C-alpha atoms as a PDB file:
ATOM      1  CA  MET A   1     -13.489  16.215   1.400  1.00  0.00           C
ATOM      2  CA  ASN A   2     -13.848  17.959  -1.498  1.00  0.00           C
ATOM      3  CA  LYS A   3     -13.584  21.503   0.204  1.00  0.00           C
ATOM      4  CA  PRO A   4     -10.675  21.333   2.735  1.00  0.00           C
ATOM      5  CA  VAL A   5     -10.817  24.916   3.776  1.00  0.00           C
ATOM      6  CA  LYS A   6     -11.469  24.776   7.610  1.00  0.00           C
ATOM      7  CA  ASN A   7      -8.795  24.234  10.259  1.00  0.00           C
ATOM      8  CA  GLU A   8     -11.081  22.061  12.450  1.00  0.00           C
ATOM      9  CA  MET A   9      -9.616  18.643  12.946  1.00  0.00           C
ATOM     10  CA  PRO A  10     -12.367  16.148  11.717  1.00  0.00           C
ATOM     11  CA  HIS A  11     -13.556  13.215  14.127  1.00  0.00           C
ATOM     12  CA  PRO A  12     -11.950  10.104  13.358  1.00  0.00           C
ATOM     13  CA  ARG A  13     -13.776   6.909  12.148  1.00  0.00           C
ATOM     14  CA  GLY A  14     -12.619   3.307  11.737  1.00  0.00           C
ATOM     15  CA  VAL A  15     -11.158   3.738  15.602  1.00  0.00           C
ATOM     16  CA  GLU A  16     -12.825   0.398  16.900  1.00  0.00           C
ATOM     17  CA  ALA A  17     -11.310  -3.020  15.562  1.00  0.00           C
ATOM     18  CA  THR A  18     -13.664  -4.804  13.416  1.00  0.00           C
ATOM     19  CA  GLU A  19     -12.434  -8.222  13.714  1.00  0.00           C
ATOM     20  CA  PRO A  20     -11.376 -10.025  17.289  1.00  0.00           C
ATOM     21  CA  LEU A  21      -7.479  -9.410  17.808  1.00  0.00           C
ATOM     22  CA  LEU A  22      -5.269 -12.592  18.534  1.00  0.00           C
ATOM     23  CA  PRO A  23      -4.486 -12.355  22.274  1.00  0.00           C
ATOM     24  CA  ARG A  24      -0.686 -11.278  22.705  1.00  0.00           C
ATOM     25  CA  GLU A  25       0.397 -14.048  24.381  1.00  0.00           C
ATOM     26  CA  SER A  26      -0.749 -16.276  21.249  1.00  0.00           C
ATOM     27  CA  TRP A  27       1.541 -14.096  18.871  1.00  0.00           C
ATOM     28  CA  PRO A  28       4.067 -16.132  17.157  1.00  0.00           C
ATOM     29  CA  GLN A  29       7.405 -15.400  18.776  1.00  0.00           C
ATOM     30  CA  ILE A  30       8.690 -14.690  15.345  1.00  0.00           C
ATOM     31  CA  PHE A  31       6.243 -12.185  14.922  1.00  0.00           C
ATOM     32  CA  LYS A  32       6.691 -10.428  18.414  1.00  0.00           C
ATOM     33  CA  ASP A  33      10.745 -10.524  17.229  1.00  0.00           C
ATOM     34  CA  ASN A  34      10.589  -8.888  13.682  1.00  0.00           C
ATOM     35  CA  ILE A  35       9.607  -5.906  11.600  1.00  0.00           C
ATOM     36  CA  ILE A  36       5.728  -6.368  10.665  1.00  0.00           C
ATOM     37  CA  TRP A  37       5.370  -4.096   7.324  1.00  0.00           C
ATOM     38  CA  ASP A  38       2.109  -3.348   5.712  1.00  0.00           C
ATOM     39  CA  ALA A  39       2.716  -2.012   2.292  1.00  0.00           C
ATOM     40  CA  HIS A  40      -0.462   0.089   2.136  1.00  0.00           C
ATOM     41  CA  ALA A  41      -3.340   1.019   4.064  1.00  0.00           C
ATOM     42  CA  CYS A  42      -6.203   4.040   3.713  1.00  0.00           C
ATOM     43  CA  LEU A  43      -7.262   6.790   6.167  1.00  0.00           C
ATOM     44  CA  PRO A  44      -9.473   9.577   4.575  1.00  0.00           C
ATOM     45  CA  LEU A  45      -7.803  12.491   2.445  1.00  0.00           C
ATOM     46  CA  LEU A  46      -9.066  14.930   4.735  1.00  0.00           C
ATOM     47  CA  PRO A  47      -6.802  18.085   6.045  1.00  0.00           C
ATOM     48  CA  ASN A  48      -5.782  18.113   9.484  1.00  0.00           C
ATOM     49  CA  TYR A  49      -7.677  14.380   9.909  1.00  0.00           C
ATOM     50  CA  ASP A  50      -7.300  12.676  13.452  1.00  0.00           C
ATOM     51  CA  CYS A  51      -5.264   9.912  12.773  1.00  0.00           C
ATOM     52  CA  ARG A  52      -5.714   7.814  15.879  1.00  0.00           C
ATOM     53  CA  ALA A  53      -7.285   4.986  13.711  1.00  0.00           C
ATOM     54  CA  LEU A  54      -3.787   4.022  12.961  1.00  0.00           C
ATOM     55  CA  GLU A  55      -3.201   2.958  16.748  1.00  0.00           C
ATOM     56  CA  ARG A  56      -5.078  -0.239  15.476  1.00  0.00           C
ATOM     57  CA  HIS A  57      -2.034  -1.110  13.444  1.00  0.00           C
ATOM     58  CA  ARG A  58       0.141  -0.569  16.482  1.00  0.00           C
ATOM     59  CA  ALA A  59      -1.926  -2.316  18.910  1.00  0.00           C
ATOM     60  CA  ALA A  60      -1.774  -5.592  16.358  1.00  0.00           C
ATOM     61  CA  GLY A  61       2.160  -5.609  16.133  1.00  0.00           C
ATOM     62  CA  ALA A  62       2.730  -3.830  13.116  1.00  0.00           C
ATOM     63  CA  THR A  63       6.184  -1.969  12.876  1.00  0.00           C
ATOM     64  CA  PHE A  64       5.603  -0.044   9.601  1.00  0.00           C
ATOM     65  CA  VAL A  65       2.537   1.448   7.798  1.00  0.00           C
ATOM     66  CA  SER A  66       2.706   3.122   4.337  1.00  0.00           C
ATOM     67  CA  VAL A  67      -0.558   5.456   4.043  1.00  0.00           C
ATOM     68  CA  ASN A  68      -2.002   6.716   1.020  1.00  0.00           C
ATOM     69  CA  VAL A  69      -2.074  10.444   0.574  1.00  0.00           C
ATOM     70  CA  GLY A  70      -3.595  10.600  -2.555  1.00  0.00           C
ATOM     71  CA  MET A  71      -4.932   9.350  -5.805  1.00  0.00           C
ATOM     72  CA  ASP A  72      -5.279  10.407  -9.705  1.00  0.00           C
ATOM     73  CA  PHE A  73      -8.385  12.631  -8.702  1.00  0.00           C
ATOM     74  CA  ASN A  74      -6.866  14.282  -5.759  1.00  0.00           C
ATOM     75  CA  PRO A  75      -5.533  17.521  -7.217  1.00  0.00           C
ATOM     76  CA  LEU A  76      -1.918  18.553  -5.552  1.00  0.00           C
ATOM     77  CA  SER A  77      -3.653  21.233  -3.440  1.00  0.00           C
ATOM     78  CA  GLN A  78      -5.581  18.549  -1.309  1.00  0.00           C
ATOM     79  CA  CYS A  79      -2.362  15.816  -1.563  1.00  0.00           C
ATOM     80  CA  ILE A  80      -0.298  18.598   0.095  1.00  0.00           C
ATOM     81  CA  ARG A  81      -3.125  19.371   2.878  1.00  0.00           C
ATOM     82  CA  VAL A  82      -3.333  16.190   3.514  1.00  0.00           C
ATOM     83  CA  ILE A  83       0.273  15.223   4.036  1.00  0.00           C
ATOM     84  CA  ALA A  84       0.751  18.642   6.602  1.00  0.00           C
ATOM     85  CA  GLY A  85      -2.048  17.379   8.503  1.00  0.00           C
ATOM     86  CA  PHE A  86      -0.768  13.649   8.903  1.00  0.00           C
ATOM     87  CA  ARG A  87       2.618  15.062   9.479  1.00  0.00           C
ATOM     88  CA  ASP A  88       1.449  17.487  12.070  1.00  0.00           C
ATOM     89  CA  TRP A  89      -0.674  14.571  13.742  1.00  0.00           C
ATOM     90  CA  ILE A  90       2.411  12.327  13.959  1.00  0.00           C
ATOM     91  CA  ALA A  91       4.614  14.773  15.031  1.00  0.00           C
ATOM     92  CA  LYS A  92       2.121  15.798  17.997  1.00  0.00           C
ATOM     93  CA  HIS A  93       1.826  11.974  19.079  1.00  0.00           C
ATOM     94  CA  PRO A  94       5.949  10.729  19.351  1.00  0.00           C
ATOM     95  CA  GLU A  95       4.909   8.436  22.382  1.00  0.00           C
ATOM     96  CA  HIS A  96       3.097   6.261  19.610  1.00  0.00           C
ATOM     97  CA  TYR A  97       4.426   7.159  16.274  1.00  0.00           C
ATOM     98  CA  ILE A  98       7.312   7.937  14.067  1.00  0.00           C
ATOM     99  CA  MET A  99       7.542  10.018  10.638  1.00  0.00           C
ATOM    100  CA  VAL A 100       9.762   7.744   8.672  1.00  0.00           C
ATOM    101  CA  ASP A 101      12.904   9.806   7.078  1.00  0.00           C
ATOM    102  CA  SER A 102      14.982   6.310   7.215  1.00  0.00           C
ATOM    103  CA  LEU A 103      15.158   2.611   7.735  1.00  0.00           C
ATOM    104  CA  ASP A 104      16.966   3.504  10.880  1.00  0.00           C
ATOM    105  CA  ASP A 105      13.409   5.330  12.150  1.00  0.00           C
ATOM    106  CA  VAL A 106      11.690   2.013  11.424  1.00  0.00           C
ATOM    107  CA  ARG A 107      14.316   0.112  13.435  1.00  0.00           C
ATOM    108  CA  ARG A 108      14.024   2.404  16.157  1.00  0.00           C
ATOM    109  CA  ALA A 109      10.198   1.816  16.116  1.00  0.00           C
ATOM    110  CA  LYS A 110      10.681  -1.748  16.748  1.00  0.00           C
ATOM    111  CA  ARG A 111      12.916  -1.225  20.001  1.00  0.00           C
ATOM    112  CA  GLU A 112      10.351   1.326  21.238  1.00  0.00           C
ATOM    113  CA  GLY A 113       7.145  -0.417  20.181  1.00  0.00           C
ATOM    114  CA  LYS A 114       5.670   2.361  18.334  1.00  0.00           C
ATOM    115  CA  LEU A 115       4.612   2.508  14.777  1.00  0.00           C
ATOM    116  CA  ALA A 116       6.731   4.164  11.817  1.00  0.00           C
ATOM    117  CA  VAL A 117       4.610   5.772   9.476  1.00  0.00           C
ATOM    118  CA  ALA A 118       5.603   6.769   5.536  1.00  0.00           C
ATOM    119  CA  PHE A 119       3.307   7.558   2.746  1.00  0.00           C
ATOM    120  CA  ASP A 120       2.431   6.723  -0.487  1.00  0.00           C
ATOM    121  CA  LEU A 121       0.938   8.132  -3.739  1.00  0.00           C
ATOM    122  CA  GLU A 122      -1.510   6.162  -6.083  1.00  0.00           C
ATOM    123  CA  GLY A 123      -1.073   7.971  -9.580  1.00  0.00           C
ATOM    124  CA  SER A 124       0.753  10.545 -10.542  1.00  0.00           C
ATOM    125  CA  ALA A 125      -1.384  13.503 -11.862  1.00  0.00           C
ATOM    126  CA  MET A 126      -0.489  15.420  -8.479  1.00  0.00           C
ATOM    127  CA  LEU A 127       2.964  15.945 -10.092  1.00  0.00           C
ATOM    128  CA  GLU A 128       1.320  17.941 -12.690  1.00  0.00           C
ATOM    129  CA  ASP A 129       3.804  16.930 -15.125  1.00  0.00           C
ATOM    130  CA  ASP A 130       7.050  18.537 -13.135  1.00  0.00           C
ATOM    131  CA  LEU A 131       9.736  15.994 -12.452  1.00  0.00           C
ATOM    132  CA  ALA A 132      10.848  18.369  -9.671  1.00  0.00           C
ATOM    133  CA  MET A 133       7.781  17.429  -7.268  1.00  0.00           C
ATOM    134  CA  LEU A 134       9.065  14.048  -6.860  1.00  0.00           C
ATOM    135  CA  GLY A 135      12.074  15.245  -4.530  1.00  0.00           C
ATOM    136  CA  VAL A 136       9.462  17.689  -2.729  1.00  0.00           C
ATOM    137  CA  TYR A 137       7.284  14.980  -1.886  1.00  0.00           C
ATOM    138  CA  ARG A 138       9.855  12.339  -1.172  1.00  0.00           C
ATOM    139  CA  ASP A 139      10.859  14.736   1.343  1.00  0.00           C
ATOM    140  CA  LEU A 140       7.781  15.228   2.930  1.00  0.00           C
ATOM    141  CA  GLY A 141       7.616  11.064   3.513  1.00  0.00           C
ATOM    142  CA  VAL A 142       6.449   9.739   0.083  1.00  0.00           C
ATOM    143  CA  ARG A 143       8.448   6.435  -0.105  1.00  0.00           C
ATOM    144  CA  GLN A 144       6.437   4.666  -2.733  1.00  0.00           C
ATOM    145  CA  MET A 145       4.369   5.310  -5.748  1.00  0.00           C
ATOM    146  CA  HIS A 146       2.346   4.114  -8.516  1.00  0.00           C
ATOM    147  CA  LEU A 147       1.798   6.178 -11.912  1.00  0.00           C
ATOM    148  CA  ALA A 148      -1.898   5.428 -12.670  1.00  0.00           C
ATOM    149  CA  TYR A 149      -4.840   4.703 -10.252  1.00  0.00           C
ATOM    150  CA  ASN A 150      -7.104   2.773 -12.776  1.00  0.00           C
ATOM    151  CA  ARG A 151      -7.394   4.991 -15.641  1.00  0.00           C
ATOM    152  CA  ASP A 152      -4.943   5.999 -17.808  1.00  0.00           C
ATOM    153  CA  ASN A 153      -3.393   9.365 -17.858  1.00  0.00           C
ATOM    154  CA  ASN A 154      -0.823  11.302 -19.740  1.00  0.00           C
ATOM    155  CA  ILE A 155       2.262   9.364 -17.716  1.00  0.00           C
ATOM    156  CA  ALA A 156       0.869   5.629 -17.363  1.00  0.00           C
ATOM    157  CA  GLY A 157      -1.916   3.477 -18.040  1.00  0.00           C
ATOM    158  CA  GLY A 158      -4.372   2.250 -15.570  1.00  0.00           C
ATOM    159  CA  CYS A 159      -5.656  -1.413 -14.787  1.00  0.00           C
ATOM    160  CA  PHE A 160      -9.314  -0.240 -16.073  1.00  0.00           C
ATOM    161  CA  GLY A 161      -7.767   1.595 -19.310  1.00  0.00           C
ATOM    162  CA  LYS A 162      -6.621   0.588 -22.931  1.00  0.00           C
ATOM    163  CA  ASN A 163      -3.423  -1.359 -21.423  1.00  0.00           C
ATOM    164  CA  GLN A 164      -1.610   2.070 -22.517  1.00  0.00           C
ATOM    165  CA  GLY A 165       2.402   1.936 -21.629  1.00  0.00           C
ATOM    166  CA  LEU A 166       4.550   4.447 -20.140  1.00  0.00           C
ATOM    167  CA  THR A 167       4.669   7.705 -22.124  1.00  0.00           C
ATOM    168  CA  ASP A 168       8.141   9.481 -22.791  1.00  0.00           C
ATOM    169  CA  LEU A 169       6.928  11.687 -19.458  1.00  0.00           C
ATOM    170  CA  GLY A 170       6.418   8.414 -17.514  1.00  0.00           C
ATOM    171  CA  ARG A 171       9.866   6.900 -18.190  1.00  0.00           C
ATOM    172  CA  ALA A 172      11.451   9.993 -16.966  1.00  0.00           C
ATOM    173  CA  VAL A 173       9.278   9.708 -13.738  1.00  0.00           C
ATOM    174  CA  VAL A 174      10.179   6.336 -13.313  1.00  0.00           C
ATOM    175  CA  LYS A 175      14.263   7.479 -13.335  1.00  0.00           C
ATOM    176  CA  GLU A 176      13.503   9.991 -11.373  1.00  0.00           C
ATOM    177  CA  CYS A 177      11.646   8.071  -8.745  1.00  0.00           C
ATOM    178  CA  ASN A 178      14.847   5.911  -8.755  1.00  0.00           C
ATOM    179  CA  ARG A 179      16.862   8.952  -8.242  1.00  0.00           C
ATOM    180  CA  VAL A 180      15.372  10.771  -5.420  1.00  0.00           C
ATOM    181  CA  GLY A 181      14.663   7.054  -3.039  1.00  0.00           C
ATOM    182  CA  ILE A 182      10.742   6.630  -4.266  1.00  0.00           C
ATOM    183  CA  VAL A 183       9.828   2.930  -4.599  1.00  0.00           C
ATOM    184  CA  MET A 184       8.214   2.401  -7.913  1.00  0.00           C
ATOM    185  CA  ASP A 185       5.067   0.595  -7.308  1.00  0.00           C
ATOM    186  CA  CYS A 186       2.858  -0.970  -9.721  1.00  0.00           C
ATOM    187  CA  SER A 187      -0.508  -1.988  -8.232  1.00  0.00           C
ATOM    188  CA  HIS A 188      -3.952  -0.482 -10.110  1.00  0.00           C
ATOM    189  CA  SER A 189      -1.313   0.053 -13.268  1.00  0.00           C
ATOM    190  CA  ALA A 190      -2.202  -1.506 -16.744  1.00  0.00           C
ATOM    191  CA  ARG A 191      -0.441  -4.594 -17.327  1.00  0.00           C
ATOM    192  CA  ALA A 192       1.644  -2.735 -20.198  1.00  0.00           C
ATOM    193  CA  THR A 193       2.465   0.158 -17.797  1.00  0.00           C
ATOM    194  CA  SER A 194       3.798  -2.093 -15.068  1.00  0.00           C
ATOM    195  CA  LEU A 195       6.059  -4.209 -17.646  1.00  0.00           C
ATOM    196  CA  ASP A 196       7.246  -0.642 -18.888  1.00  0.00           C
ATOM    197  CA  VAL A 197       7.972   0.381 -15.318  1.00  0.00           C
ATOM    198  CA  MET A 198      10.070  -3.184 -14.762  1.00  0.00           C
ATOM    199  CA  GLU A 199      11.997  -2.306 -17.904  1.00  0.00           C
ATOM    200  CA  VAL A 200      13.143   1.072 -16.997  1.00  0.00           C
ATOM    201  CA  SER A 201      13.935   0.844 -13.235  1.00  0.00           C
ATOM    202  CA  SER A 202      16.940   0.472 -12.400  1.00  0.00           C
ATOM    203  CA  LYS A 203      15.717  -0.174  -8.756  1.00  0.00           C
ATOM    204  CA  PRO A 204      13.665  -2.903  -7.218  1.00  0.00           C
ATOM    205  CA  VAL A 205       9.878  -2.698  -8.352  1.00  0.00           C
ATOM    206  CA  VAL A 206       6.922  -3.741  -6.307  1.00  0.00           C
ATOM    207  CA  PHE A 207       3.254  -4.495  -6.332  1.00  0.00           C
ATOM    208  CA  SER A 208       2.431  -2.946  -2.582  1.00  0.00           C
ATOM    209  CA  HIS A 209      -1.496  -4.722  -2.649  1.00  0.00           C
ATOM    210  CA  SER A 210      -2.257  -7.124  -5.442  1.00  0.00           C
ATOM    211  CA  ASN A 211      -2.899 -10.567  -5.497  1.00  0.00           C
ATOM    212  CA  ALA A 212      -2.648 -13.409  -8.032  1.00  0.00           C
ATOM    213  CA  LYS A 213      -4.931 -13.494 -11.506  1.00  0.00           C
ATOM    214  CA  ALA A 214      -4.967 -17.194 -11.808  1.00  0.00           C
ATOM    215  CA  LEU A 215      -6.684 -17.334  -8.197  1.00  0.00           C
ATOM    216  CA  CYS A 216      -9.471 -14.560  -9.091  1.00  0.00           C
ATOM    217  CA  ASP A 217      -9.693 -13.090 -12.020  1.00  0.00           C
ATOM    218  CA  HIS A 218      -9.672  -9.275 -11.373  1.00  0.00           C
ATOM    219  CA  PRO A 219      -8.712  -6.423 -13.318  1.00  0.00           C
ATOM    220  CA  ARG A 220      -6.936  -5.444 -10.273  1.00  0.00           C
ATOM    221  CA  ASN A 221      -4.739  -8.509  -9.830  1.00  0.00           C
ATOM    222  CA  ILE A 222      -1.904  -9.518 -12.184  1.00  0.00           C
ATOM    223  CA  ASP A 223      -0.648 -12.216 -13.623  1.00  0.00           C
ATOM    224  CA  ASP A 224       2.172 -14.652 -13.756  1.00  0.00           C
ATOM    225  CA  THR A 225       4.488 -12.553 -16.188  1.00  0.00           C
ATOM    226  CA  GLN A 226       4.052  -9.281 -13.852  1.00  0.00           C
ATOM    227  CA  ILE A 227       4.849 -11.134 -10.958  1.00  0.00           C
ATOM    228  CA  LYS A 228       8.085 -12.839 -12.176  1.00  0.00           C
ATOM    229  CA  ARG A 229       9.012  -9.694 -13.866  1.00  0.00           C
ATOM    230  CA  ALA A 230       8.559  -7.970 -10.318  1.00  0.00           C
ATOM    231  CA  ALA A 231      11.096 -10.622  -8.615  1.00  0.00           C
ATOM    232  CA  ALA A 232      13.559 -10.308 -11.209  1.00  0.00           C
ATOM    233  CA  THR A 233      13.740  -6.725 -10.237  1.00  0.00           C
ATOM    234  CA  GLY A 234      14.629  -7.869  -6.768  1.00  0.00           C
ATOM    235  CA  GLY A 235      11.179  -6.400  -6.021  1.00  0.00           C
ATOM    236  CA  MET A 236       7.963  -8.213  -4.694  1.00  0.00           C
ATOM    237  CA  VAL A 237       4.641  -8.787  -4.692  1.00  0.00           C
ATOM    238  CA  CYS A 238       2.547  -8.021  -1.410  1.00  0.00           C
ATOM    239  CA  VAL A 239      -0.924 -10.013  -0.834  1.00  0.00           C
ATOM    240  CA  THR A 240      -3.828  -7.707  -0.266  1.00  0.00           C
ATOM    241  CA  GLY A 241      -6.859  -8.210   1.827  1.00  0.00           C
ATOM    242  CA  ILE A 242      -9.559  -6.696  -0.361  1.00  0.00           C
ATOM    243  CA  GLY A 243     -12.634  -9.263  -0.766  1.00  0.00           C
ATOM    244  CA  PRO A 244     -12.702  -8.769  -4.382  1.00  0.00           C
ATOM    245  CA  PHE A 245      -9.103  -9.672  -4.961  1.00  0.00           C
ATOM    246  CA  LEU A 246      -8.990 -12.473  -2.977  1.00  0.00           C
ATOM    247  CA  GLY A 247     -12.000 -14.313  -4.226  1.00  0.00           C
ATOM    248  CA  LYS A 248     -14.916 -16.027  -2.336  1.00  0.00           C
ATOM    249  CA  ASP A 249     -13.755 -15.031   1.369  1.00  0.00           C
ATOM    250  CA  ILE A 250     -11.377 -12.784   2.992  1.00  0.00           C
ATOM    251  CA  ASP A 251     -10.346 -15.833   5.516  1.00  0.00           C
ATOM    252  CA  THR A 252      -6.760 -15.991   6.595  1.00  0.00           C
ATOM    253  CA  ASP A 253      -6.594 -19.682   4.729  1.00  0.00           C
ATOM    254  CA  THR A 254      -7.634 -17.746   1.332  1.00  0.00           C
ATOM    255  CA  ILE A 255      -4.892 -14.953   2.206  1.00  0.00           C
ATOM    256  CA  ILE A 256      -2.201 -17.660   2.929  1.00  0.00           C
ATOM    257  CA  ARG A 257      -3.589 -19.289  -0.606  1.00  0.00           C
ATOM    258  CA  HIS A 258      -2.507 -16.423  -2.489  1.00  0.00           C
ATOM    259  CA  ILE A 259       1.073 -16.063  -0.614  1.00  0.00           C
ATOM    260  CA  ASP A 260       1.452 -19.718  -1.271  1.00  0.00           C
ATOM    261  CA  TYR A 261       0.731 -19.303  -5.058  1.00  0.00           C
ATOM    262  CA  MET A 262       3.414 -16.189  -5.271  1.00  0.00           C
ATOM    263  CA  VAL A 263       5.884 -17.938  -3.100  1.00  0.00           C
ATOM    264  CA  GLU A 264       5.634 -21.004  -5.826  1.00  0.00           C
ATOM    265  CA  LYS A 265       6.457 -18.729  -8.609  1.00  0.00           C
ATOM    266  CA  ILE A 266       9.013 -16.253  -7.526  1.00  0.00           C
ATOM    267  CA  GLY A 267      10.179 -17.636  -4.031  1.00  0.00           C
ATOM    268  CA  VAL A 268       9.613 -16.752  -0.376  1.00  0.00           C
ATOM    269  CA  ALA A 269      12.219 -14.033  -0.724  1.00  0.00           C
ATOM    270  CA  HIS A 270       9.827 -11.599  -3.250  1.00  0.00           C
ATOM    271  CA  VAL A 271       6.387 -11.951  -1.131  1.00  0.00           C
ATOM    272  CA  GLY A 272       5.177  -9.602   1.293  1.00  0.00           C
ATOM    273  CA  ILE A 273       1.795  -8.205   2.903  1.00  0.00           C
ATOM    274  CA  GLY A 274      -0.270  -4.776   1.881  1.00  0.00           C
ATOM    275  CA  ILE A 275      -3.301  -5.238   3.259  1.00  0.00           C
ATOM    276  CA  ASP A 276      -4.922  -2.123   1.994  1.00  0.00           C
ATOM    277  CA  TYR A 277      -7.240  -1.466   4.779  1.00  0.00           C
ATOM    278  CA  SER A 278      -9.826   1.643   4.569  1.00  0.00           C
ATOM    279  CA  PHE A 279     -10.181   2.651   8.220  1.00  0.00           C
ATOM    280  CA  ASP A 280     -13.752   4.751   6.741  1.00  0.00           C
ATOM    281  CA  GLN A 281     -15.362   2.810   4.300  1.00  0.00           C
ATOM    282  CA  ASP A 282     -18.256   5.274   4.522  1.00  0.00           C
ATOM    283  CA  HIS A 283     -16.257   7.970   3.254  1.00  0.00           C
ATOM    284  CA  SER A 284     -15.390   9.068  -0.432  1.00  0.00           C
ATOM    285  CA  ASP A 285     -12.348  10.687  -1.518  1.00  0.00           C
ATOM    286  CA  LEU A 286     -13.971  11.637  -4.771  1.00  0.00           C
ATOM    287  CA  PRO A 287     -14.225  15.266  -5.773  1.00  0.00           C
ATOM    288  CA  ASP A 288     -17.844  16.361  -6.572  1.00  0.00           C
ATOM    289  CA  GLY A 289     -18.566  15.697  -9.754  1.00  0.00           C
ATOM    290  CA  GLU A 290     -16.451  12.588 -10.220  1.00  0.00           C
ATOM    291  CA  ASP A 291     -18.200   9.326 -11.516  1.00  0.00           C
ATOM    292  CA  PRO A 292     -17.230   6.577  -9.004  1.00  0.00           C
ATOM    293  CA  ALA A 293     -18.219   4.046 -11.826  1.00  0.00           C
ATOM    294  CA  LEU A 294     -15.292   5.534 -14.031  1.00  0.00           C
ATOM    295  CA  TRP A 295     -12.950   4.850 -11.203  1.00  0.00           C
ATOM    296  CA  TRP A 296     -14.299   1.547  -9.896  1.00  0.00           C
ATOM    297  CA  PRO A 297     -16.445   0.277 -13.066  1.00  0.00           C
ATOM    298  CA  LYS A 298     -18.394  -2.855 -12.543  1.00  0.00           C
ATOM    299  CA  VAL A 299     -16.530  -6.371 -13.083  1.00  0.00           C
ATOM    300  CA  GLN A 300     -18.609  -8.977 -13.980  1.00  0.00           C
ATOM    301  CA  GLY A 301     -21.428  -7.105 -13.545  1.00  0.00           C
ATOM    302  CA  VAL A 302     -20.557  -6.140  -9.997  1.00  0.00           C
ATOM    303  CA  ASP A 303     -20.167  -2.447  -8.255  1.00  0.00           C
ATOM    304  CA  PHE A 304     -17.144  -1.911  -6.036  1.00  0.00           C
ATOM    305  CA  ASP A 305     -18.853  -0.569  -3.502  1.00  0.00           C
ATOM    306  CA  PHE A 306     -16.613   0.537  -0.579  1.00  0.00           C
ATOM    307  CA  SER A 307     -19.455   0.228   1.867  1.00  0.00           C
ATOM    308  CA  SER A 308     -20.056  -3.412   1.529  1.00  0.00           C
ATOM    309  CA  VAL A 309     -16.399  -4.563   0.306  1.00  0.00           C
ATOM    310  CA  ARG A 310     -15.011  -7.193   2.912  1.00  0.00           C
ATOM    311  CA  PHE A 311     -11.691  -5.516   4.397  1.00  0.00           C
ATOM    312  CA  VAL A 312      -8.965  -7.615   5.833  1.00  0.00           C
ATOM    313  CA  SER A 313      -8.421  -5.657   9.269  1.00  0.00           C
ATOM    314  CA  PRO A 314      -5.090  -4.842  10.559  1.00  0.00           C
ATOM    315  CA  GLU A 315      -6.244  -6.936  13.675  1.00  0.00           C
ATOM    316  CA  ARG A 316      -5.255  -9.772  11.041  1.00  0.00           C
ATOM    317  CA  LEU A 317      -1.606  -9.568  11.341  1.00  0.00           C
ATOM    318  CA  PRO A 318      -0.797 -11.744  13.877  1.00  0.00           C
ATOM    319  CA  ASP A 319      -2.979 -14.551  12.566  1.00  0.00           C
ATOM    320  CA  ILE A 320      -1.651 -14.144   9.138  1.00  0.00           C
ATOM    321  CA  ALA A 321       1.891 -14.991  10.623  1.00  0.00           C
ATOM    322  CA  ALA A 322       0.394 -17.873  12.997  1.00  0.00           C
ATOM    323  CA  GLY A 323      -1.195 -19.093   9.873  1.00  0.00           C
ATOM    324  CA  LEU A 324       1.946 -19.189   7.802  1.00  0.00           C
ATOM    325  CA  LEU A 325       3.446 -21.530  10.323  1.00  0.00           C
ATOM    326  CA  ARG A 326       0.895 -23.653  10.653  1.00  0.00           C
ATOM    327  CA  HIS A 327       0.647 -24.143   7.006  1.00  0.00           C
ATOM    328  CA  GLY A 328       4.792 -25.155   7.384  1.00  0.00           C
ATOM    329  CA  TYR A 329       6.329 -21.973   6.317  1.00  0.00           C
ATOM    330  CA  LYS A 330       9.994 -21.921   8.585  1.00  0.00           C
ATOM    331  CA  ASP A 331      10.341 -19.251  11.168  1.00  0.00           C
ATOM    332  CA  ALA A 332      12.550 -17.042   8.564  1.00  0.00           C
ATOM    333  CA  ASP A 333      10.170 -17.372   5.975  1.00  0.00           C
ATOM    334  CA  VAL A 334       7.302 -15.782   8.046  1.00  0.00           C
ATOM    335  CA  ALA A 335       9.640 -13.111   9.201  1.00  0.00           C
ATOM    336  CA  ALA A 336      10.511 -12.286   5.064  1.00  0.00           C
ATOM    337  CA  ILE A 337       7.088 -12.456   4.233  1.00  0.00           C
ATOM    338  CA  MET A 338       5.444 -10.354   7.393  1.00  0.00           C
ATOM    339  CA  GLY A 339       8.442  -7.290   6.780  1.00  0.00           C
ATOM    340  CA  GLY A 340      12.310  -8.388   5.872  1.00  0.00           C
ATOM    341  CA  ASN A 341      11.683  -8.475   2.197  1.00  0.00           C
ATOM    342  CA  PHE A 342       9.973  -5.061   1.902  1.00  0.00           C
ATOM    343  CA  MET A 343      12.958  -4.034   4.342  1.00  0.00           C
ATOM    344  CA  ARG A 344      15.492  -5.323   1.701  1.00  0.00           C
ATOM    345  CA  VAL A 345      13.562  -3.027  -0.922  1.00  0.00           C
ATOM    346  CA  ALA A 346      13.572  -0.462   1.015  1.00  0.00           C
ATOM    347  CA  GLU A 347      17.446  -0.621   1.653  1.00  0.00           C
ATOM    348  CA  ALA A 348      17.745  -0.802  -2.018  1.00  0.00           C
ATOM    349  CA  CYS A 349      15.369   2.376  -2.825  1.00  0.00           C
ATOM    350  CA  TRP A 350      15.049   4.955  -0.377  1.00  0.00           C
ATOM    351  CA  ARG A 351      17.791   7.957  -0.004  1.00  0.00           C
END
């Protein structure tokens, strides 16, 4: 990962399902009939990577997934190589995948049984303080980004930093994201930064993969003020499936407990899913010399070890929909949470 100079395609990992997939005949009809939107997932950030693991999303009924293409510790050169490789792979597999340019591509993916893919950035260091880079990333498929990944930078504050807000440059970045059509995402951001983003943005703001701090007191989770402010922008909070952010387990009922909490605070129209599945937990995207403890510090004395962290897998998507129905949600509510709400946000933000 740290020396992306060879052109041969690395062998893909994470291709095999990690938990049983509900048989298709048991999928709720509302799940089959509607767009299913996963707001965030992670492939290894390697150039010319074989992305066939994304078939797990398609096989599980997903219509759309946003795939990470860079974090604050990944330089611009690496991010561009990763984007080039992912785009090339998708273009070479048109029978099952569509590189998203507009919401019409998402709708077409649903009609044709394909998976629509767009990209997201987790941080802003790869802009190199140049606002013009935002339009370039947008044209290459980036449709959402947050401005800091866990640590503070010269644009925004991260959730493990000093609770820094937006700098003047950060405020300009938010406005330019609004202009070019990139959804502002506040996951991984400092509380102060998230509130600043929601104040500055003229478009809906999201947390693409964050849970309720009231249910699981982790620095990556968000409090009631952040939750309500996101909804007030017309945006939403997408519940994530990472074990340390869920609490004691990763059961479907635990995910729904976080969804219930969000719905109670801000209503069904502002809640979604961003499971943040990492397809290769043994791979590290950190460049040589970077300290993992800096980016993922201990919380309550516990290391964040990707090789042992429990992740809700893409195979869980139909079961989450079925679980919502079991918990008394109406068909229209399930359709909204599983995808319809983010379609509305994208309609307001994308260009």
